[in-house]
């Protein structure tokens, strides 16, 4: 039997500035993250993807060092280190995109879980409030790392770990009456 514990920290700012109808869905969303095991799956995914990138880069560095640069001394040479560093960059970018995509999917699922716990109307209302308070709060280079109405633009959207709030609202089932 596996026992796990989780903690959700709530700021006095949230509790003091938002009515219960708005704070409840936010907490329901976070409880849904816990119930879905999001951190238990996201952290290992990040580790596996990073391990794959490093392993592939080391193989590439070894091939470059031994085959192309003819280093047969049995120790890693300068070519290994340069090739390894270069070989980590492109796959590392793709690895980040994979983890970000997975994170966005978990956010959609947590929104649905929050809607199940607090009602669709409450969840939509909470996301609308978040949308109004977050609009334009981050400079463009950092928008992929925050939560906002439209989010980052262009290729930066692939690195967003939260879906745009408009997409989160659209993905919820129709409002309950």
N, C-alpha and C. Protein backbone atom coordinates (compact mmCIF):
# COMPACT_ATOMS: atom_id res chain seq x y z
N UNK A 1 0.84 -1.17 0.00
CA UNK A 1 0.00 0.00 0.00
C UNK A 1 0.88 1.24 0.00
N UNK A 2 0.58 2.14 -0.87
CA UNK A 2 1.36 3.37 -0.99
C UNK A 2 0.60 4.51 -0.34
N UNK A 3 1.22 5.16 0.61
CA UNK A 3 0.61 6.31 1.26
C UNK A 3 1.28 7.56 0.75
N UNK A 4 0.49 8.54 0.43
CA UNK A 4 1.03 9.80 -0.05
C UNK A 4 0.35 10.94 0.70
N UNK A 5 1.06 12.01 0.84
CA UNK A 5 0.51 13.19 1.48
C UNK A 5 0.69 14.36 0.55
N UNK A 6 -0.20 15.29 0.65
CA UNK A 6 -0.12 16.48 -0.18
C UNK A 6 -0.55 17.69 0.64
N UNK A 7 -0.09 18.82 0.23
CA UNK A 7 -0.40 20.07 0.92
C UNK A 7 -0.71 21.12 -0.12
N UNK A 8 -1.76 21.85 0.09
CA UNK A 8 -2.07 23.00 -0.74
C UNK A 8 -1.95 24.23 0.14
N UNK A 9 -1.06 25.11 -0.21
CA UNK A 9 -0.89 26.35 0.54
C UNK A 9 -1.80 27.41 -0.08
N UNK A 10 -2.52 28.11 0.77
CA UNK A 10 -3.44 29.14 0.31
C UNK A 10 -3.01 30.45 0.94
N UNK A 11 -2.82 31.44 0.11
CA UNK A 11 -2.38 32.73 0.62
C UNK A 11 -3.55 33.49 1.24
N UNK A 12 -3.22 34.36 2.18
CA UNK A 12 -4.26 35.21 2.76
C UNK A 12 -4.79 36.17 1.71
N UNK A 13 -3.95 36.46 0.70
CA UNK A 13 -4.40 37.33 -0.38
C UNK A 13 -5.56 36.71 -1.15
N UNK A 14 -5.47 35.41 -1.43
CA UNK A 14 -6.56 34.73 -2.12
C UNK A 14 -7.81 34.71 -1.25
N UNK A 15 -7.64 34.32 -0.01
CA UNK A 15 -8.80 34.20 0.88
C UNK A 15 -9.41 35.56 1.22
N UNK A 16 -8.56 36.57 1.32
CA UNK A 16 -9.06 37.90 1.70
C UNK A 16 -9.62 38.70 0.55
N UNK A 17 -9.15 38.43 -0.66
CA UNK A 17 -9.57 39.27 -1.78
C UNK A 17 -10.64 38.62 -2.65
N UNK A 18 -10.89 37.35 -2.47
CA UNK A 18 -11.84 36.64 -3.33
C UNK A 18 -12.97 36.05 -2.50
N UNK A 19 -14.19 36.17 -2.99
CA UNK A 19 -15.28 35.50 -2.29
C UNK A 19 -15.15 33.99 -2.41
N UNK A 20 -15.81 33.28 -1.53
CA UNK A 20 -15.74 31.83 -1.49
C UNK A 20 -16.08 31.21 -2.85
N UNK A 21 -17.03 31.81 -3.57
CA UNK A 21 -17.44 31.28 -4.88
C UNK A 21 -16.30 31.31 -5.89
N UNK A 22 -15.32 32.20 -5.70
CA UNK A 22 -14.18 32.26 -6.61
C UNK A 22 -13.00 31.45 -6.08
N UNK A 23 -12.81 31.43 -4.77
CA UNK A 23 -11.68 30.69 -4.19
C UNK A 23 -11.93 29.18 -4.22
N UNK A 24 -13.17 28.76 -4.06
CA UNK A 24 -13.50 27.33 -4.05
C UNK A 24 -13.07 26.60 -5.31
N UNK A 25 -13.41 27.11 -6.49
CA UNK A 25 -12.98 26.42 -7.71
C UNK A 25 -11.45 26.38 -7.89
N UNK A 26 -10.76 27.41 -7.41
CA UNK A 26 -9.30 27.40 -7.49
C UNK A 26 -8.75 26.25 -6.64
N UNK A 27 -9.28 26.11 -5.44
CA UNK A 27 -8.84 25.01 -4.57
C UNK A 27 -9.26 23.66 -5.16
N UNK A 28 -10.44 23.60 -5.76
CA UNK A 28 -10.89 22.35 -6.40
C UNK A 28 -9.95 21.96 -7.53
N UNK A 29 -9.47 22.94 -8.28
CA UNK A 29 -8.50 22.69 -9.36
C UNK A 29 -7.22 22.08 -8.77
N UNK A 30 -6.74 22.67 -7.69
CA UNK A 30 -5.50 22.17 -7.07
C UNK A 30 -5.71 20.78 -6.46
N UNK A 31 -6.84 20.55 -5.85
CA UNK A 31 -7.15 19.22 -5.32
C UNK A 31 -7.19 18.20 -6.46
N UNK A 32 -7.70 18.61 -7.60
CA UNK A 32 -7.75 17.73 -8.76
C UNK A 32 -6.34 17.36 -9.23
N UNK A 33 -5.42 18.31 -9.17
CA UNK A 33 -4.02 17.99 -9.50
C UNK A 33 -3.50 16.87 -8.60
N UNK A 34 -3.81 16.98 -7.31
CA UNK A 34 -3.35 15.96 -6.36
C UNK A 34 -4.02 14.63 -6.66
N UNK A 35 -5.35 14.66 -6.83
CA UNK A 35 -6.10 13.42 -7.08
C UNK A 35 -5.64 12.73 -8.36
N UNK A 36 -5.25 13.51 -9.35
CA UNK A 36 -4.79 12.95 -10.63
C UNK A 36 -3.33 12.50 -10.58
N UNK A 37 -2.62 12.84 -9.52
CA UNK A 37 -1.21 12.45 -9.41
C UNK A 37 -0.31 13.19 -10.38
N UNK A 38 -0.65 14.44 -10.65
CA UNK A 38 0.08 15.18 -11.68
C UNK A 38 1.56 15.34 -11.39
N UNK A 39 1.93 15.69 -10.17
CA UNK A 39 3.36 15.85 -9.88
C UNK A 39 4.07 14.51 -9.83
N UNK A 40 3.34 13.47 -9.49
CA UNK A 40 3.93 12.14 -9.43
C UNK A 40 4.23 11.63 -10.84
N UNK A 41 3.52 12.13 -11.83
CA UNK A 41 3.79 11.72 -13.21
C UNK A 41 4.66 12.72 -13.96
N UNK A 42 4.49 14.01 -13.67
CA UNK A 42 5.25 15.02 -14.40
C UNK A 42 6.73 14.99 -14.06
N UNK A 43 7.07 14.84 -12.79
CA UNK A 43 8.49 14.82 -12.40
C UNK A 43 9.24 13.64 -13.02
N UNK A 44 8.70 12.41 -12.97
CA UNK A 44 9.41 11.31 -13.65
C UNK A 44 9.49 11.49 -15.16
N UNK A 45 8.43 12.04 -15.76
CA UNK A 45 8.48 12.29 -17.21
C UNK A 45 9.64 13.23 -17.54
N UNK A 46 9.77 14.30 -16.78
CA UNK A 46 10.87 15.24 -16.99
C UNK A 46 12.21 14.52 -16.83
N UNK A 47 12.33 13.67 -15.83
CA UNK A 47 13.57 12.93 -15.60
C UNK A 47 13.89 11.96 -16.72
N UNK A 48 12.89 11.23 -17.19
CA UNK A 48 13.11 10.27 -18.28
C UNK A 48 13.50 11.00 -19.57
N UNK A 49 12.81 12.07 -19.87
CA UNK A 49 13.11 12.82 -21.09
C UNK A 49 14.52 13.41 -21.01
N UNK A 50 14.88 13.98 -19.87
CA UNK A 50 16.23 14.55 -19.72
C UNK A 50 17.29 13.47 -19.80
N UNK A 51 17.03 12.31 -19.20
CA UNK A 51 17.99 11.20 -19.26
C UNK A 51 18.20 10.75 -20.70
N UNK A 52 17.11 10.67 -21.46
CA UNK A 52 17.21 10.29 -22.87
C UNK A 52 18.05 11.27 -23.66
N UNK A 53 17.85 12.56 -23.40
CA UNK A 53 18.63 13.59 -24.10
C UNK A 53 20.11 13.47 -23.76
N UNK A 54 20.44 13.32 -22.49
CA UNK A 54 21.84 13.23 -22.08
C UNK A 54 22.48 11.96 -22.64
N UNK A 55 21.75 10.84 -22.58
CA UNK A 55 22.28 9.58 -23.10
C UNK A 55 22.57 9.69 -24.60
N UNK A 56 21.61 10.21 -25.36
CA UNK A 56 21.81 10.37 -26.81
C UNK A 56 22.96 11.33 -27.11
N UNK A 57 23.08 12.39 -26.32
CA UNK A 57 24.17 13.34 -26.52
C UNK A 57 25.53 12.71 -26.23
N UNK A 58 25.59 11.88 -25.20
CA UNK A 58 26.86 11.20 -24.89
C UNK A 58 27.24 10.21 -25.99
N UNK A 59 26.25 9.49 -26.52
CA UNK A 59 26.53 8.60 -27.64
C UNK A 59 27.05 9.38 -28.85
N UNK A 60 26.39 10.49 -29.12
CA UNK A 60 26.81 11.34 -30.25
C UNK A 60 28.23 11.85 -30.02
N UNK A 61 28.50 12.30 -28.79
CA UNK A 61 29.85 12.79 -28.47
C UNK A 61 30.90 11.72 -28.64
N UNK A 62 30.58 10.49 -28.23
CA UNK A 62 31.53 9.38 -28.39
C UNK A 62 31.79 9.07 -29.85
N UNK A 63 30.74 9.08 -30.66
CA UNK A 63 30.90 8.80 -32.09
C UNK A 63 31.75 9.88 -32.75
N UNK A 64 31.46 11.14 -32.43
CA UNK A 64 32.23 12.24 -33.02
C UNK A 64 33.69 12.15 -32.58
N UNK A 65 33.91 11.90 -31.31
CA UNK A 65 35.27 11.88 -30.77
C UNK A 65 36.09 10.73 -31.36
N UNK A 66 35.50 9.56 -31.46
CA UNK A 66 36.25 8.39 -31.90
C UNK A 66 36.27 8.21 -33.41
N UNK A 67 35.16 8.49 -34.07
CA UNK A 67 35.08 8.23 -35.51
C UNK A 67 35.57 9.41 -36.34
N UNK A 68 35.04 10.56 -36.06
CA UNK A 68 35.39 11.71 -36.89
C UNK A 68 36.73 12.33 -36.51
N UNK A 69 37.00 12.42 -35.21
CA UNK A 69 38.25 13.04 -34.77
C UNK A 69 39.37 12.03 -34.51
N UNK A 70 39.06 10.75 -34.68
CA UNK A 70 40.04 9.66 -34.57
C UNK A 70 40.74 9.64 -33.22
N UNK A 71 39.99 9.92 -32.16
CA UNK A 71 40.55 9.86 -30.82
C UNK A 71 40.40 8.41 -30.33
N UNK A 72 41.50 7.70 -30.23
CA UNK A 72 41.45 6.30 -29.79
C UNK A 72 42.29 6.06 -28.54
N UNK A 73 42.49 7.12 -27.75
CA UNK A 73 43.28 7.00 -26.53
C UNK A 73 42.52 6.32 -25.40
N UNK A 74 41.21 6.13 -25.54
CA UNK A 74 40.42 5.50 -24.49
C UNK A 74 39.85 6.48 -23.49
N UNK A 75 40.13 7.74 -23.67
CA UNK A 75 39.56 8.76 -22.78
C UNK A 75 38.85 9.80 -23.64
N UNK A 76 37.91 10.46 -23.03
CA UNK A 76 37.14 11.46 -23.79
C UNK A 76 38.01 12.66 -24.10
N UNK A 77 37.92 13.08 -25.32
CA UNK A 77 38.69 14.23 -25.75
C UNK A 77 37.83 15.47 -25.88
N UNK A 78 38.44 16.51 -26.40
CA UNK A 78 37.77 17.79 -26.57
C UNK A 78 36.56 17.65 -27.49
N UNK A 79 36.68 16.83 -28.52
CA UNK A 79 35.57 16.62 -29.45
C UNK A 79 34.35 16.03 -28.76
N UNK A 80 34.57 15.14 -27.80
CA UNK A 80 33.45 14.55 -27.06
C UNK A 80 32.67 15.64 -26.32
N UNK A 81 33.38 16.50 -25.63
CA UNK A 81 32.71 17.53 -24.83
C UNK A 81 31.97 18.53 -25.71
N UNK A 82 32.59 18.96 -26.78
CA UNK A 82 31.92 19.92 -27.68
C UNK A 82 30.71 19.27 -28.34
N UNK A 83 30.88 18.06 -28.87
CA UNK A 83 29.77 17.38 -29.55
C UNK A 83 28.64 17.08 -28.57
N UNK A 84 28.97 16.73 -27.35
CA UNK A 84 27.94 16.44 -26.34
C UNK A 84 27.14 17.70 -26.02
N UNK A 85 27.83 18.80 -25.83
CA UNK A 85 27.13 20.06 -25.53
C UNK A 85 26.21 20.46 -26.68
N UNK A 86 26.71 20.36 -27.90
CA UNK A 86 25.90 20.72 -29.07
C UNK A 86 24.73 19.75 -29.22
N UNK A 87 24.99 18.46 -29.02
CA UNK A 87 23.94 17.44 -29.20
C UNK A 87 22.86 17.50 -28.12
N UNK A 88 23.09 18.20 -27.03
CA UNK A 88 22.07 18.33 -26.00
C UNK A 88 21.09 19.46 -26.31
N UNK A 89 21.47 20.39 -27.14
CA UNK A 89 20.64 21.58 -27.37
C UNK A 89 19.35 21.28 -28.12
N UNK A 90 19.42 20.77 -29.30
CA UNK A 90 18.20 20.55 -30.12
C UNK A 90 17.27 19.52 -29.48
N UNK A 91 17.77 18.34 -29.10
CA UNK A 91 16.86 17.41 -28.43
C UNK A 91 16.32 17.96 -27.10
N UNK A 92 17.10 18.79 -26.43
CA UNK A 92 16.64 19.40 -25.19
C UNK A 92 15.46 20.33 -25.42
N UNK A 93 15.47 21.03 -26.54
CA UNK A 93 14.35 21.90 -26.89
C UNK A 93 13.11 21.05 -27.14
N UNK A 94 13.25 19.99 -27.90
CA UNK A 94 12.11 19.11 -28.16
C UNK A 94 11.62 18.44 -26.88
N UNK A 95 12.54 18.09 -25.99
CA UNK A 95 12.15 17.49 -24.71
C UNK A 95 11.32 18.48 -23.90
N UNK A 96 11.72 19.73 -23.90
CA UNK A 96 10.95 20.76 -23.20
C UNK A 96 9.55 20.91 -23.78
N UNK A 97 9.45 20.81 -25.10
CA UNK A 97 8.13 20.90 -25.73
C UNK A 97 7.24 19.73 -25.32
N UNK A 98 7.81 18.54 -25.22
CA UNK A 98 7.04 17.36 -24.81
C UNK A 98 6.52 17.53 -23.39
N UNK A 99 7.39 17.93 -22.49
CA UNK A 99 7.00 18.10 -21.09
C UNK A 99 5.97 19.23 -20.95
N UNK A 100 6.14 20.30 -21.70
CA UNK A 100 5.18 21.41 -21.66
C UNK A 100 3.82 20.97 -22.18
N UNK A 101 3.80 20.20 -23.26
CA UNK A 101 2.54 19.68 -23.80
C UNK A 101 1.83 18.83 -22.75
N UNK A 102 2.59 17.95 -22.10
CA UNK A 102 2.00 17.09 -21.08
C UNK A 102 1.44 17.92 -19.93
N UNK A 103 2.17 18.93 -19.52
CA UNK A 103 1.72 19.81 -18.44
C UNK A 103 0.42 20.52 -18.83
N UNK A 104 0.33 20.99 -20.07
CA UNK A 104 -0.92 21.64 -20.52
C UNK A 104 -2.09 20.67 -20.47
N UNK A 105 -1.86 19.42 -20.85
CA UNK A 105 -2.94 18.42 -20.81
C UNK A 105 -3.40 18.19 -19.37
N UNK A 106 -2.45 18.18 -18.44
CA UNK A 106 -2.81 17.99 -17.03
C UNK A 106 -3.58 19.19 -16.50
N UNK A 107 -3.29 20.38 -17.01
CA UNK A 107 -4.04 21.57 -16.60
C UNK A 107 -5.49 21.47 -17.07
N UNK A 108 -5.70 21.03 -18.31
CA UNK A 108 -7.07 20.84 -18.80
C UNK A 108 -7.80 19.84 -17.90
N UNK A 109 -7.12 18.76 -17.55
CA UNK A 109 -7.75 17.73 -16.73
C UNK A 109 -8.06 18.27 -15.33
N UNK A 110 -7.16 19.08 -14.77
CA UNK A 110 -7.41 19.66 -13.45
C UNK A 110 -8.57 20.65 -13.51
N UNK A 111 -8.70 21.38 -14.61
CA UNK A 111 -9.85 22.28 -14.78
C UNK A 111 -11.15 21.47 -14.80
N UNK A 112 -11.16 20.35 -15.52
CA UNK A 112 -12.36 19.50 -15.55
C UNK A 112 -12.64 18.92 -14.16
N UNK A 113 -11.59 18.52 -13.46
CA UNK A 113 -11.77 18.01 -12.09
C UNK A 113 -12.29 19.09 -11.17
N UNK A 114 -11.77 20.31 -11.32
CA UNK A 114 -12.26 21.44 -10.53
C UNK A 114 -13.71 21.73 -10.82
N UNK A 115 -14.10 21.60 -12.10
CA UNK A 115 -15.49 21.82 -12.48
C UNK A 115 -16.39 20.73 -11.89
N UNK A 116 -15.88 19.50 -11.83
CA UNK A 116 -16.66 18.42 -11.21
C UNK A 116 -16.87 18.66 -9.72
N UNK A 117 -15.86 19.21 -9.06
CA UNK A 117 -15.95 19.44 -7.61
C UNK A 117 -16.71 20.71 -7.26
N UNK A 118 -16.49 21.78 -8.03
CA UNK A 118 -17.05 23.09 -7.67
C UNK A 118 -18.15 23.56 -8.61
N UNK A 119 -18.45 22.77 -9.63
CA UNK A 119 -19.45 23.18 -10.61
C UNK A 119 -18.79 23.87 -11.79
N UNK A 120 -19.34 23.62 -12.96
CA UNK A 120 -18.77 24.21 -14.18
C UNK A 120 -18.85 25.73 -14.13
N UNK A 121 -19.99 26.25 -13.68
CA UNK A 121 -20.14 27.70 -13.59
C UNK A 121 -19.11 28.33 -12.68
N UNK A 122 -18.86 27.69 -11.55
CA UNK A 122 -17.86 28.21 -10.62
C UNK A 122 -16.46 28.18 -11.20
N UNK A 123 -16.14 27.09 -11.92
CA UNK A 123 -14.81 26.98 -12.51
C UNK A 123 -14.62 28.00 -13.62
N UNK A 124 -15.65 28.16 -14.46
CA UNK A 124 -15.56 29.16 -15.53
C UNK A 124 -15.42 30.55 -14.91
N UNK A 125 -16.19 30.82 -13.87
CA UNK A 125 -16.10 32.12 -13.20
C UNK A 125 -14.72 32.38 -12.64
N UNK A 126 -14.12 31.36 -12.02
CA UNK A 126 -12.78 31.52 -11.46
C UNK A 126 -11.75 31.77 -12.56
N UNK A 127 -11.88 31.06 -13.68
CA UNK A 127 -10.95 31.27 -14.80
C UNK A 127 -11.15 32.65 -15.42
N UNK A 128 -12.39 33.12 -15.47
CA UNK A 128 -12.66 34.47 -16.01
C UNK A 128 -12.03 35.53 -15.11
N UNK A 129 -12.14 35.35 -13.79
CA UNK A 129 -11.51 36.30 -12.86
C UNK A 129 -10.00 36.27 -13.04
N UNK A 130 -9.43 35.08 -13.14
CA UNK A 130 -8.00 34.95 -13.35
C UNK A 130 -7.59 35.62 -14.66
N UNK A 131 -8.41 35.46 -15.67
CA UNK A 131 -8.14 36.07 -16.97
C UNK A 131 -8.10 37.60 -16.86
N UNK A 132 -9.03 38.16 -16.12
CA UNK A 132 -9.06 39.63 -15.96
C UNK A 132 -7.88 40.13 -15.14
N UNK A 133 -7.48 39.38 -14.12
CA UNK A 133 -6.40 39.85 -13.26
C UNK A 133 -5.02 39.58 -13.84
N UNK A 134 -4.90 38.61 -14.74
CA UNK A 134 -3.60 38.26 -15.30
C UNK A 134 -3.30 38.95 -16.63
N UNK A 135 -4.28 39.56 -17.24
CA UNK A 135 -4.10 40.14 -18.57
C UNK A 135 -2.93 41.13 -18.58
N UNK A 136 -1.96 40.85 -19.44
CA UNK A 136 -0.83 41.76 -19.63
C UNK A 136 0.12 41.85 -18.45
N UNK A 137 0.10 40.90 -17.52
CA UNK A 137 0.93 41.02 -16.34
C UNK A 137 2.38 40.58 -16.57
N UNK A 138 2.64 39.83 -17.62
CA UNK A 138 4.01 39.38 -17.89
C UNK A 138 4.54 39.99 -19.18
N UNK A 139 5.84 40.33 -19.19
CA UNK A 139 6.41 40.83 -20.44
C UNK A 139 6.46 39.69 -21.48
N UNK A 140 6.41 40.01 -22.76
CA UNK A 140 6.35 38.99 -23.80
C UNK A 140 7.37 37.86 -23.69
N UNK A 141 8.65 38.10 -23.33
CA UNK A 141 9.58 36.98 -23.25
C UNK A 141 9.24 35.95 -22.17
N UNK A 142 8.44 36.33 -21.18
CA UNK A 142 8.11 35.44 -20.08
C UNK A 142 6.70 34.87 -20.14
N UNK A 143 5.93 35.21 -21.18
CA UNK A 143 4.54 34.80 -21.23
C UNK A 143 4.35 33.29 -21.31
N UNK A 144 5.32 32.56 -21.83
CA UNK A 144 5.19 31.10 -21.90
C UNK A 144 5.24 30.47 -20.50
N UNK A 145 5.75 31.21 -19.52
CA UNK A 145 5.92 30.66 -18.18
C UNK A 145 4.79 31.06 -17.23
N UNK A 146 3.81 31.78 -17.72
CA UNK A 146 2.73 32.22 -16.86
C UNK A 146 1.39 31.74 -17.34
N UNK A 147 0.37 32.19 -16.65
CA UNK A 147 -1.00 31.87 -17.00
C UNK A 147 -1.62 33.17 -17.48
N UNK A 148 -2.24 33.14 -18.62
CA UNK A 148 -2.85 34.36 -19.11
C UNK A 148 -3.97 34.06 -20.08
N UNK A 149 -4.65 35.12 -20.53
CA UNK A 149 -5.80 34.94 -21.41
C UNK A 149 -5.44 34.27 -22.73
N UNK A 150 -4.45 34.81 -23.42
CA UNK A 150 -4.09 34.25 -24.72
C UNK A 150 -2.77 33.52 -24.68
N UNK A 151 -1.95 33.84 -23.72
CA UNK A 151 -0.67 33.17 -23.60
C UNK A 151 0.34 33.71 -24.58
N UNK A 152 1.39 32.95 -24.75
CA UNK A 152 2.48 33.33 -25.63
C UNK A 152 2.04 33.23 -27.09
N UNK A 153 2.80 33.81 -27.95
CA UNK A 153 2.49 33.81 -29.39
C UNK A 153 3.52 32.97 -30.14
N UNK A 154 3.12 32.47 -31.29
CA UNK A 154 4.02 31.74 -32.18
C UNK A 154 4.58 30.48 -31.55
N UNK A 155 5.85 30.25 -31.81
CA UNK A 155 6.49 29.02 -31.34
C UNK A 155 6.57 28.96 -29.82
N UNK A 156 6.53 30.11 -29.17
CA UNK A 156 6.59 30.14 -27.70
C UNK A 156 5.40 29.41 -27.09
N UNK A 157 4.30 29.28 -27.82
CA UNK A 157 3.12 28.54 -27.32
C UNK A 157 3.47 27.08 -27.03
N UNK A 158 4.45 26.54 -27.77
CA UNK A 158 4.84 25.15 -27.56
C UNK A 158 5.54 24.94 -26.22
N UNK A 159 5.99 26.02 -25.60
CA UNK A 159 6.71 25.91 -24.34
C UNK A 159 5.85 26.33 -23.14
N UNK A 160 4.59 26.63 -23.37
CA UNK A 160 3.68 27.02 -22.28
C UNK A 160 3.36 25.80 -21.43
N UNK A 161 3.49 25.93 -20.12
CA UNK A 161 3.13 24.81 -19.26
C UNK A 161 1.69 24.90 -18.77
N UNK A 162 1.03 26.03 -19.00
CA UNK A 162 -0.40 26.19 -18.75
C UNK A 162 -1.05 26.58 -20.07
N UNK A 163 -2.18 26.01 -20.35
CA UNK A 163 -2.91 26.40 -21.55
C UNK A 163 -3.44 27.82 -21.37
N UNK A 164 -3.66 28.55 -22.46
CA UNK A 164 -4.28 29.86 -22.32
C UNK A 164 -5.64 29.71 -21.62
N UNK A 165 -6.00 30.69 -20.83
CA UNK A 165 -7.25 30.61 -20.07
C UNK A 165 -8.47 30.47 -20.98
N UNK A 166 -8.44 31.14 -22.12
CA UNK A 166 -9.56 31.00 -23.06
C UNK A 166 -9.72 29.56 -23.52
N UNK A 167 -8.61 28.88 -23.76
CA UNK A 167 -8.67 27.46 -24.18
C UNK A 167 -9.17 26.59 -23.03
N UNK A 168 -8.78 26.91 -21.80
CA UNK A 168 -9.24 26.16 -20.64
C UNK A 168 -10.74 26.30 -20.45
N UNK A 169 -11.24 27.50 -20.64
CA UNK A 169 -12.68 27.75 -20.52
C UNK A 169 -13.43 27.01 -21.63
N UNK A 170 -12.91 27.08 -22.84
CA UNK A 170 -13.58 26.43 -23.99
C UNK A 170 -13.60 24.90 -23.84
N UNK A 171 -12.60 24.34 -23.14
CA UNK A 171 -12.52 22.89 -23.01
C UNK A 171 -13.47 22.34 -21.94
N UNK A 172 -14.01 23.21 -21.10
CA UNK A 172 -14.93 22.74 -20.07
C UNK A 172 -16.29 22.38 -20.69
N UNK A 173 -17.02 21.47 -20.05
CA UNK A 173 -18.36 21.17 -20.56
C UNK A 173 -19.26 22.38 -20.40
N UNK A 174 -20.41 22.38 -21.06
CA UNK A 174 -21.34 23.54 -20.93
C UNK A 174 -21.66 23.77 -19.46
N UNK A 175 -21.94 25.04 -19.15
CA UNK A 175 -22.23 25.43 -17.76
C UNK A 175 -23.44 24.69 -17.23
N UNK A 176 -23.34 24.37 -15.92
CA UNK A 176 -24.49 23.76 -15.24
C UNK A 176 -25.49 24.85 -14.86
N UNK A 177 -26.68 24.49 -14.73
CA UNK A 177 -27.73 25.48 -14.42
C UNK A 177 -27.93 25.63 -12.95
